[in-house]
Protein backbone atom coordinates (compact mmCIF):
# COMPACT_ATOMS: atom_id res chain seq x y z
CA MET A 1 30.26 90.12 -138.37
CA LYS A 2 27.83 92.24 -136.35
CA ILE A 3 24.20 93.35 -136.48
CA ARG A 4 23.09 96.60 -134.87
CA PHE A 5 19.36 97.01 -134.36
CA CYS A 6 18.57 100.63 -135.16
CA GLY A 7 14.76 100.56 -135.37
CA ALA A 8 11.66 98.38 -134.96
CA ALA A 9 13.34 96.82 -131.92
CA ARG A 10 10.61 95.94 -129.40
CA GLU A 11 8.57 98.31 -131.58
CA VAL A 12 6.42 97.85 -134.68
CA THR A 13 7.64 100.81 -136.71
CA GLY A 14 10.94 102.28 -137.89
CA SER A 15 12.51 99.15 -139.39
CA CYS A 16 16.29 99.64 -139.65
CA HIS A 17 19.13 97.14 -139.11
CA LEU A 18 22.85 97.56 -139.79
CA ILE A 19 25.12 94.64 -140.73
CA GLN A 20 28.85 95.25 -140.39
CA LEU A 21 31.29 92.79 -141.89
CA GLU A 22 34.69 92.02 -140.38
CA ASN A 23 36.37 94.14 -143.08
CA GLY A 24 34.19 97.14 -142.12
CA PHE A 25 31.74 96.95 -145.06
CA LYS A 26 28.29 98.10 -143.87
CA ILE A 27 24.90 97.03 -145.19
CA LEU A 28 21.70 98.75 -144.05
CA LEU A 29 18.46 96.74 -144.11
CA ASP A 30 15.47 99.11 -144.40
CA CYS A 31 15.38 102.71 -143.26
CA GLY A 32 11.89 103.29 -141.92
CA LEU A 33 10.05 106.08 -140.23
CA PHE A 34 9.09 105.65 -136.58
CA GLN A 35 5.39 106.33 -136.07
CA GLY A 36 4.07 107.10 -132.59
CA ARG A 37 3.93 109.97 -130.12
CA HIS A 38 4.85 113.24 -131.77
CA LYS A 39 7.68 114.25 -129.41
CA GLU A 40 9.17 110.76 -129.54
CA MET A 41 8.71 110.63 -133.31
CA ASP A 42 10.70 113.81 -133.87
CA GLU A 43 13.51 112.71 -131.58
CA ILE A 44 13.82 109.13 -132.82
CA ASN A 45 13.45 109.94 -136.52
CA SER A 46 16.13 112.62 -136.39
CA LYS A 47 18.65 110.32 -134.66
CA TRP A 48 20.93 107.80 -136.34
CA TYR A 49 22.64 104.86 -134.59
CA PHE A 50 25.35 105.08 -137.25
CA ASP A 51 26.89 107.61 -139.61
CA PRO A 52 24.95 107.52 -142.93
CA ALA A 53 28.13 108.45 -144.79
CA ASP A 54 29.79 105.24 -143.52
CA VAL A 55 27.09 102.92 -144.91
CA ASP A 56 28.20 101.23 -148.13
CA CYS A 57 24.84 100.02 -149.45
CA MET A 58 21.21 99.77 -148.45
CA ILE A 59 18.71 96.95 -149.10
CA LEU A 60 15.01 97.76 -148.94
CA SER A 61 12.46 95.00 -148.28
CA HIS A 62 9.40 97.01 -149.36
CA SER A 63 7.93 100.48 -149.72
CA HIS A 64 5.79 100.93 -146.59
CA ILE A 65 6.84 104.15 -144.87
CA ASP A 66 7.81 102.40 -141.63
CA HIS A 67 10.42 100.59 -143.76
CA SER A 68 11.40 103.23 -146.36
CA GLY A 69 10.34 106.56 -144.86
CA ARG A 70 13.74 107.93 -143.83
CA LEU A 71 15.56 107.24 -147.10
CA PRO A 72 15.53 110.91 -148.22
CA LYS A 73 17.07 111.93 -144.89
CA LEU A 74 19.63 109.11 -145.13
CA VAL A 75 20.81 110.40 -148.52
CA ARG A 76 20.70 114.03 -147.44
CA ASP A 77 22.80 113.16 -144.36
CA GLY A 78 25.61 111.64 -146.41
CA PHE A 79 24.71 108.16 -147.71
CA LYS A 80 26.20 107.69 -151.18
CA GLY A 81 25.68 103.98 -151.90
CA ASN A 82 23.10 102.07 -153.92
CA ILE A 83 19.60 101.32 -152.63
CA TYR A 84 18.64 97.81 -153.78
CA SER A 85 14.97 96.85 -154.16
CA THR A 86 12.49 95.16 -156.49
CA PRO A 87 11.17 97.23 -159.44
CA ALA A 88 7.67 97.56 -157.91
CA THR A 89 9.14 98.77 -154.61
CA ARG A 90 11.03 101.52 -156.42
CA SER A 91 7.88 102.57 -158.30
CA LEU A 92 5.88 102.78 -155.09
CA CYS A 93 8.64 104.64 -153.22
CA ALA A 94 8.67 107.30 -155.93
CA VAL A 95 5.10 108.29 -154.98
CA MET A 96 5.12 107.36 -151.29
CA LEU A 97 8.26 109.25 -150.28
CA LEU A 98 7.05 112.36 -152.09
CA ASP A 99 3.75 112.10 -150.22
CA SER A 100 5.62 111.61 -146.93
CA ALA A 101 7.71 114.73 -147.58
CA LYS A 102 4.60 116.80 -148.32
CA ILE A 103 2.96 115.61 -145.08
CA GLN A 104 6.04 116.60 -143.08
CA GLU A 105 6.21 119.99 -144.74
CA ARG A 106 2.52 120.60 -143.95
CA GLU A 107 2.89 119.44 -140.35
CA ALA A 108 5.88 121.73 -139.79
CA GLU A 109 3.98 124.63 -141.34
CA TYR A 110 0.95 123.92 -139.11
CA ALA A 111 3.12 123.67 -135.97
CA ASN A 112 4.82 126.97 -136.77
CA LYS A 113 1.47 128.64 -137.37
CA LEU A 114 0.31 127.58 -133.89
CA LEU A 115 3.62 128.73 -132.42
CA ARG A 116 3.23 132.19 -133.90
CA LYS A 117 -0.25 132.42 -132.39
CA ARG A 118 1.02 131.51 -128.93
CA LYS A 119 4.20 133.63 -128.94
CA LYS A 120 4.87 137.11 -130.23
CA ASN A 121 8.65 136.88 -130.43
CA VAL A 122 9.70 133.50 -131.76
CA LYS A 123 13.37 132.60 -132.10
CA SER A 124 14.41 130.95 -135.37
CA GLU A 125 15.61 127.82 -133.53
CA ASP A 126 12.13 127.33 -132.06
CA PHE A 127 10.49 126.80 -135.44
CA ALA A 128 9.66 123.24 -136.46
CA GLU A 129 11.43 121.83 -139.50
CA PRO A 130 10.33 118.85 -141.61
CA LEU A 131 12.49 115.74 -141.34
CA TYR A 132 13.07 116.16 -145.07
CA THR A 133 11.45 118.06 -147.92
CA THR A 134 10.17 117.25 -151.40
CA ASP A 135 13.54 118.39 -152.77
CA ASP A 136 15.23 115.54 -150.87
CA VAL A 137 13.14 112.80 -152.50
CA THR A 138 14.57 112.76 -156.03
CA PRO A 139 18.22 112.28 -154.92
CA ALA A 140 17.06 109.25 -152.92
CA ILE A 141 15.08 107.72 -155.80
CA GLU A 142 18.09 108.19 -158.10
CA ARG A 143 20.12 105.84 -155.86
CA PHE A 144 17.77 102.87 -156.47
CA VAL A 145 19.04 99.80 -158.32
CA THR A 146 16.34 97.18 -158.93
CA TYR A 147 16.34 93.40 -159.29
CA SER A 148 13.47 90.98 -159.84
CA TYR A 149 12.56 88.08 -157.59
CA GLU A 150 14.59 84.85 -157.64
CA ARG A 151 17.77 86.37 -159.09
CA TRP A 152 20.98 86.29 -157.06
CA PHE A 153 22.83 89.54 -157.67
CA LYS A 154 26.25 90.70 -156.53
CA ILE A 155 26.91 93.74 -154.37
CA ASN A 156 30.62 92.96 -154.58
CA ASP A 157 32.80 89.85 -155.00
CA ASP A 158 31.99 88.67 -151.45
CA ILE A 159 28.30 89.55 -151.10
CA GLU A 160 25.30 88.20 -153.01
CA VAL A 161 21.63 88.98 -152.42
CA LEU A 162 18.35 87.27 -153.32
CA PHE A 163 14.89 88.85 -153.28
CA ARG A 164 12.02 86.41 -152.84
CA ASP A 165 8.31 87.30 -152.91
CA ALA A 166 7.12 88.03 -149.36
CA GLY A 167 3.46 88.38 -150.38
CA HIS A 168 3.01 91.41 -148.11
CA ILE A 169 2.42 94.30 -150.53
CA LEU A 170 3.25 94.92 -154.18
CA GLY A 171 6.97 94.34 -154.66
CA SER A 172 7.64 93.22 -151.08
CA ALA A 173 10.55 90.85 -150.64
CA SER A 174 12.38 88.78 -148.11
CA VAL A 175 16.12 89.35 -148.29
CA THR A 176 18.74 86.58 -148.23
CA ILE A 177 22.37 87.71 -148.04
CA ARG A 178 25.25 85.33 -148.76
CA ILE A 179 28.55 86.62 -147.37
CA ARG A 180 32.06 85.20 -147.85
CA GLU A 181 34.47 86.02 -145.04
CA ASN A 182 37.80 84.38 -144.21
CA GLY A 183 37.11 81.46 -146.52
CA GLU A 184 33.67 80.80 -145.00
CA VAL A 185 30.20 81.50 -146.33
CA LYS A 186 27.53 82.76 -143.93
CA THR A 187 23.92 83.53 -144.80
CA ILE A 188 21.70 86.14 -143.17
CA GLY A 189 17.96 86.25 -143.77
CA PHE A 190 15.70 89.24 -143.28
CA THR A 191 12.01 88.46 -143.59
CA GLY A 192 10.94 92.06 -144.03
CA ASP A 193 7.19 91.85 -143.42
CA ILE A 194 5.78 88.38 -144.02
CA GLY A 195 2.55 88.40 -146.01
CA ARG A 196 -0.42 86.07 -145.76
CA PRO A 197 -1.34 83.12 -147.96
CA ASN A 198 -4.59 83.12 -149.92
CA ARG A 199 -4.86 86.90 -150.01
CA PRO A 200 -6.33 88.76 -153.00
CA ILE A 201 -4.19 90.32 -155.74
CA LEU A 202 -0.73 89.11 -154.68
CA ARG A 203 1.01 85.75 -154.76
CA ASP A 204 1.47 83.82 -151.52
CA PRO A 205 4.66 84.43 -149.51
CA LYS A 206 7.41 82.02 -150.48
CA PRO A 207 9.69 80.56 -147.77
CA MET A 208 13.27 81.78 -147.81
CA PRO A 209 16.34 79.64 -148.49
CA GLU A 210 17.83 78.11 -145.34
CA VAL A 211 20.07 80.62 -143.55
CA ASP A 212 22.45 80.73 -140.59
CA PHE A 213 20.99 83.85 -138.97
CA MET A 214 17.49 85.28 -139.31
CA ILE A 215 15.97 88.70 -138.56
CA CYS A 216 12.23 88.06 -138.38
CA GLU A 217 9.17 90.25 -138.00
CA SER A 218 6.69 89.39 -135.21
CA THR A 219 3.80 91.87 -135.50
CA TYR A 220 1.04 89.31 -134.94
CA GLY A 221 3.10 86.71 -133.08
CA ASN A 222 0.32 86.11 -130.56
CA LYS A 223 -2.77 86.19 -132.80
CA ASP A 224 -4.66 84.22 -135.42
CA HIS A 225 -6.58 86.07 -138.16
CA ILE A 226 -9.94 85.05 -139.55
CA GLY A 227 -9.72 83.93 -143.17
CA ARG A 228 -11.65 84.08 -146.40
CA PRO A 229 -14.54 83.96 -147.12
CA ALA A 230 -15.52 84.95 -143.55
CA GLU A 231 -13.85 88.35 -143.88
CA ARG A 232 -15.73 89.22 -147.08
CA GLU A 233 -19.03 88.33 -145.42
CA LYS A 234 -18.07 90.40 -142.37
CA LEU A 235 -17.08 93.42 -144.51
CA LEU A 236 -20.37 93.22 -146.40
CA ASP A 237 -22.25 92.95 -143.10
CA VAL A 238 -20.47 96.04 -141.70
CA ILE A 239 -21.28 98.03 -144.87
CA LYS A 240 -24.97 97.05 -144.73
CA THR A 241 -25.31 97.77 -141.00
CA ALA A 242 -23.47 101.12 -141.15
CA CYS A 243 -24.89 102.54 -144.38
CA VAL A 244 -28.23 100.79 -144.97
CA ASP A 245 -29.58 100.05 -141.48
CA LYS A 246 -28.09 103.04 -139.62
CA LYS A 247 -28.02 105.31 -142.71
CA GLY A 248 -24.66 106.68 -141.62
CA LYS A 249 -21.13 106.96 -142.92
CA LEU A 250 -18.66 104.11 -142.80
CA ILE A 251 -15.09 105.39 -142.51
CA ILE A 252 -12.33 102.89 -143.25
CA PRO A 253 -8.83 104.18 -142.41
CA ALA A 254 -6.51 102.21 -144.67
CA PHE A 255 -2.91 102.42 -145.73
CA SER A 256 -2.80 103.86 -149.22
CA VAL A 257 -0.64 101.03 -150.50
CA GLY A 258 -1.92 97.49 -150.28
CA ARG A 259 -4.83 97.73 -147.87
CA THR A 260 -6.80 100.27 -149.93
CA GLN A 261 -6.38 98.29 -153.16
CA GLU A 262 -7.41 95.06 -151.41
CA ILE A 263 -10.57 96.59 -149.95
CA VAL A 264 -11.53 98.22 -153.26
CA TYR A 265 -10.88 94.97 -155.14
CA MET A 266 -13.09 93.08 -152.69
CA MET A 267 -15.91 95.63 -153.08
CA ASP A 268 -15.43 95.47 -156.86
CA GLN A 269 -16.10 91.72 -156.69
CA MET A 270 -19.18 92.31 -154.50
CA ALA A 271 -20.45 94.89 -157.00
CA THR A 272 -19.88 92.49 -159.92
CA GLU A 273 -21.89 89.82 -158.09
CA GLY A 274 -24.69 92.29 -157.22
CA LEU A 275 -24.06 92.05 -153.45
CA LEU A 276 -22.80 95.57 -152.72
CA PRO A 277 -25.51 98.07 -151.68
CA ARG A 278 -25.85 100.93 -154.18
CA ILE A 279 -24.29 103.62 -152.03
CA PRO A 280 -21.41 105.95 -152.91
CA VAL A 281 -17.91 104.68 -152.14
CA TYR A 282 -15.10 107.23 -152.00
CA VAL A 283 -11.37 106.61 -151.99
CA ASP A 284 -10.12 109.86 -150.52
CA SER A 285 -6.36 109.71 -150.83
CA PRO A 286 -4.21 111.13 -153.63
CA LEU A 287 -1.47 108.68 -152.63
CA ALA A 288 -3.87 105.73 -152.91
CA ILE A 289 -4.86 106.89 -156.39
CA ASN A 290 -1.22 107.09 -157.50
CA ALA A 291 -0.43 103.78 -155.82
CA THR A 292 -3.36 102.09 -157.60
CA LYS A 293 -1.84 103.23 -160.92
CA VAL A 294 1.43 101.61 -159.84
CA PHE A 295 -0.45 98.39 -159.05
CA ALA A 296 -1.85 98.40 -162.58
CA GLY A 297 1.68 98.76 -163.95
CA HIS A 298 3.16 95.75 -162.14
CA PRO A 299 1.13 92.65 -163.11
CA GLU A 300 4.24 90.52 -162.52
CA CYS A 301 3.26 90.57 -158.83
CA TYR A 302 -0.32 89.29 -159.33
CA ASP A 303 -1.57 85.85 -158.31
CA ASN A 304 -3.51 83.50 -160.61
CA ASP A 305 -6.90 84.49 -159.19
CA MET A 306 -6.25 88.10 -160.11
CA TYR A 307 -5.26 87.11 -163.67
CA GLU A 308 -8.49 85.13 -164.03
CA TYR A 309 -10.59 88.00 -162.66
CA LEU A 310 -8.99 90.35 -165.19
CA LEU A 311 -10.47 88.20 -167.96
CA THR A 312 -13.98 89.22 -166.83
CA ASP A 313 -13.23 92.70 -165.40
CA ASP A 314 -10.40 94.71 -166.92
CA ASN A 315 -10.58 97.28 -164.08
CA PRO A 316 -10.51 95.45 -160.73
CA PHE A 317 -10.12 98.77 -158.88
CA GLY A 318 -13.21 100.52 -160.22
CA PHE A 319 -16.99 100.06 -160.22
CA ASP A 320 -20.07 102.23 -160.89
CA ASN A 321 -20.51 103.82 -157.45
CA LEU A 322 -16.79 104.26 -156.74
CA LYS A 323 -15.18 107.69 -156.95
CA TYR A 324 -11.53 108.57 -156.38
CA ILE A 325 -11.10 111.96 -154.66
CA GLN A 326 -8.10 114.09 -155.57
CA LYS A 327 -9.01 117.69 -154.76
CA VAL A 328 -9.02 119.05 -151.20
CA GLU A 329 -12.34 120.82 -151.85
CA GLU A 330 -14.01 117.51 -152.76
CA SER A 331 -12.57 115.89 -149.65
CA LYS A 332 -13.92 118.69 -147.43
CA ALA A 333 -17.33 118.40 -149.08
CA LEU A 334 -17.62 114.82 -147.78
CA ASN A 335 -17.72 116.19 -144.25
CA THR A 336 -20.80 118.32 -144.92
CA ASN A 337 -22.56 115.56 -146.85
CA ASN A 338 -24.67 113.51 -144.44
CA ASP A 339 -25.82 110.88 -146.94
CA PRO A 340 -24.83 107.25 -146.28
CA CYS A 341 -21.50 106.40 -147.90
CA VAL A 342 -18.24 104.53 -147.49
CA ILE A 343 -15.03 106.58 -147.21
CA VAL A 344 -11.72 104.77 -147.56
CA SER A 345 -8.94 107.16 -146.62
CA SER A 346 -5.40 107.20 -145.26
CA SER A 347 -3.51 107.04 -143.06
CA GLY A 348 -4.30 103.65 -141.57
CA MET A 349 -3.25 104.70 -138.05
CA MET A 350 -5.25 107.96 -138.32
CA ASN A 351 -2.28 110.02 -137.17
CA ALA A 352 -2.08 111.98 -140.43
CA GLY A 353 -3.75 112.43 -143.79
CA ARG A 354 -7.31 113.18 -144.80
CA VAL A 355 -8.86 110.42 -142.69
CA LYS A 356 -7.91 112.33 -139.54
CA HIS A 357 -10.23 115.15 -140.68
CA HIS A 358 -13.02 112.68 -141.52
CA LEU A 359 -12.62 111.16 -138.07
CA ALA A 360 -12.78 114.55 -136.33
CA ASN A 361 -15.91 115.51 -138.27
CA ASN A 362 -17.77 112.25 -137.68
CA ILE A 363 -16.54 110.72 -134.41
CA GLU A 364 -19.18 112.27 -132.16
CA ASP A 365 -22.18 111.17 -134.26
CA PRO A 366 -23.50 107.73 -133.13
CA LYS A 367 -25.00 107.20 -136.60
CA ASN A 368 -21.51 106.76 -138.05
CA THR A 369 -19.17 103.77 -137.99
CA LEU A 370 -15.39 103.40 -138.02
CA LEU A 371 -13.88 100.16 -139.32
CA ILE A 372 -10.23 99.64 -138.34
CA VAL A 373 -8.61 97.13 -140.67
CA GLY A 374 -5.04 96.84 -139.42
CA TYR A 375 -2.42 97.40 -136.77
CA CYS A 376 -2.13 100.85 -135.16
CA SER A 377 0.70 101.99 -132.89
CA PRO A 378 -0.63 102.43 -129.33
CA TYR A 379 -0.25 106.21 -129.11
CA THR A 380 -1.77 107.05 -132.49
CA PRO A 381 -5.50 107.90 -132.69
CA GLY A 382 -6.06 104.47 -134.23
CA GLY A 383 -4.25 102.77 -131.37
CA GLN A 384 -6.31 104.64 -128.79
CA LEU A 385 -9.55 103.73 -130.57
CA ARG A 386 -8.48 100.08 -130.77
CA ALA A 387 -7.89 100.19 -127.02
CA GLY A 388 -11.48 101.36 -126.45
CA LYS A 389 -10.81 104.97 -125.41
CA LYS A 390 -14.02 106.96 -125.01
CA GLU A 391 -12.31 110.30 -125.61
CA ILE A 392 -9.38 111.13 -127.88
CA LYS A 393 -7.64 114.35 -128.86
CA LEU A 394 -7.82 115.40 -132.51
CA PHE A 395 -6.34 118.68 -133.76
CA GLY A 396 -5.88 119.82 -130.16
CA LYS A 397 -9.49 119.17 -129.14
CA GLU A 398 -10.82 116.43 -126.83
CA MET A 399 -13.61 114.61 -128.66
CA SER A 400 -16.11 111.98 -127.46
CA VAL A 401 -16.08 108.64 -129.26
CA ASN A 402 -19.78 108.19 -130.03
CA MET A 403 -19.49 106.46 -133.40
CA ASP A 404 -19.39 102.66 -133.52
CA VAL A 405 -15.84 101.30 -133.69
CA LYS A 406 -15.41 97.95 -135.44
CA MET A 407 -12.21 96.00 -136.10
CA MET A 408 -11.18 93.48 -138.74
CA ASP A 409 -7.58 92.34 -138.34
CA SER A 410 -8.07 89.74 -141.06
CA PHE A 411 -7.26 92.48 -143.59
CA SER A 412 -3.80 92.75 -142.13
CA ALA A 413 -1.04 92.23 -144.68
CA HIS A 414 1.02 90.65 -141.89
CA ALA A 415 1.06 86.91 -141.31
CA ASP A 416 -0.42 85.70 -138.03
CA ARG A 417 1.52 83.41 -135.68
CA GLY A 418 0.57 80.19 -137.47
CA GLU A 419 1.40 81.65 -140.87
CA MET A 420 4.76 82.90 -139.61
CA LEU A 421 5.54 79.46 -138.23
CA ASP A 422 4.75 77.94 -141.63
CA PHE A 423 7.00 80.51 -143.30
CA LEU A 424 9.88 79.63 -140.93
CA LYS A 425 9.33 75.86 -140.95
CA ASN A 426 12.26 75.07 -143.27
CA GLN A 427 14.63 76.97 -140.93
CA GLU A 428 14.12 74.79 -137.84
CA GLN A 429 17.21 72.60 -138.18
CA GLY A 430 20.01 74.80 -139.54
CA LEU A 431 19.32 78.19 -137.95
CA SER A 432 21.93 79.37 -135.41
CA LYS A 433 20.14 82.48 -134.15
CA LEU A 434 16.77 84.09 -134.73
CA PHE A 435 16.20 87.76 -133.87
CA LEU A 436 12.64 89.02 -133.42
CA VAL A 437 11.95 92.57 -134.59
CA HIS A 438 8.95 94.62 -135.72
CA GLY A 439 6.65 93.72 -132.83
CA ASN A 440 5.52 94.89 -129.41
CA TYR A 441 7.67 93.37 -126.68
CA GLU A 442 4.82 91.46 -125.00
CA THR A 443 3.81 89.94 -128.34
CA GLN A 444 7.42 89.04 -129.09
CA GLN A 445 7.77 87.23 -125.75
CA GLU A 446 4.72 85.10 -126.57
CA PHE A 447 6.01 84.34 -130.07
CA LYS A 448 9.45 83.48 -128.66
CA TYR A 449 7.82 80.91 -126.37
CA LEU A 450 5.92 79.46 -129.35
CA LEU A 451 9.14 79.27 -131.40
CA HIS A 452 10.90 77.41 -128.57
CA GLN A 453 8.12 74.83 -128.70
CA HIS A 454 8.89 74.34 -132.41
CA GLU A 455 12.61 73.54 -132.08
CA PHE A 456 13.95 77.09 -132.49
CA LYS A 457 16.55 77.14 -129.72
CA ASP A 458 18.31 80.52 -129.79
CA VAL A 459 15.62 83.21 -130.14
CA GLN A 460 16.56 86.73 -129.09
CA ILE A 461 14.57 89.97 -128.75
CA PRO A 462 17.07 92.82 -129.24
CA ASN A 463 16.46 96.29 -127.90
CA ILE A 464 17.06 99.51 -129.80
CA GLY A 465 20.77 100.18 -130.30
CA ASN A 466 21.85 96.65 -129.36
CA GLU A 467 24.82 95.34 -131.34
CA ILE A 468 25.26 91.56 -131.55
CA THR A 469 28.25 89.65 -132.90
CA LEU A 470 27.23 86.75 -135.10
CA SER A 471 28.94 83.49 -134.29
CA ALA A 472 27.55 80.01 -134.94
């Protein structure tokens, strides 16, 4: 049995891992979009480390685009198997992949427009093409087969799979695969993205069954997050400072799925308790609006606190001063409105979506504030701002960073190093090999050292394209 690491290897995006059994049967774990430098993005996202037509089935841990974002291309390029996920993951993918396709179509159109301006005679092969189009999304969604948490299901007579709540985003799951080969049973675990305990809305992540081999995320393998209630107090303090004291705009770039709903839910609670200043709050993301509707339709993923809150507030994602923005014209109007307000908009890394326009229109005004609430790849605008850059390029123009830049990693949906250790605790004795993925290499090296201190002996950090034979 072999594992080939086809994405998120010494990287945080593009999750994709191929398991090949001795009889040739191939299982793909995740099929995510790489997010980073544009030239690298195009090259990496268009390349496969396998033939999609040869893959027998695909198992999806959750709907975030860096885990699901290449599914339409996978199907278009020849994959004909089932895509297994939880029901909530399928529901979210239906809206997220369509949004991803529209973004790629718009970006290709914009690139070709610039090309025509620069060159008079453009060859057809020079035009940019989207990785996939909206027409490619439906065939991918039609391949989904869904199973709820805590139910072993068969892929064939020799392979069984279990989804267990990972507590990361709505519908997220760890994946345990039980494989019978040559009279032996081997188990492979894939953590997907490990969520955090005691987070709003969702249940806590649940440790996986003991396995022989583990593929484990490591995004925050060298950090500890601040916890509740400190984060709520800090968020309220940032809102008051940015909008009341400075009378400026507070822009919060947030992933449309998970992070946006969590922030809105927290502000809803503040509003219910009379703590939130009476200023306009805008959620400017059509995808976030659609995703919030999906959240409302999957209460099976909620934790007990959310159920109790619903008894007093039947709309935890809405309060008096909150407005959801759908139309482009309304979004543009926010840039000419100088009144204090909070704008929550995607994408979280600021490399696409409406928030990139809000950033460009507000970054040079010291009255305004940017609150980064999660991980950003180093070469995205968010990554550069996290690194303290004083100038960044937006829409081809160098812009000075005069607005205040604040960070709150506690909102991350990823477990920190201590929380990951707790999640892995039951694996210490029986695990043969542990592979670290979905993390920057320096972070992974630190987490590997920490794991060695906690009795995990064989910890490996595979590189992109590496193929490893699994033997106990």
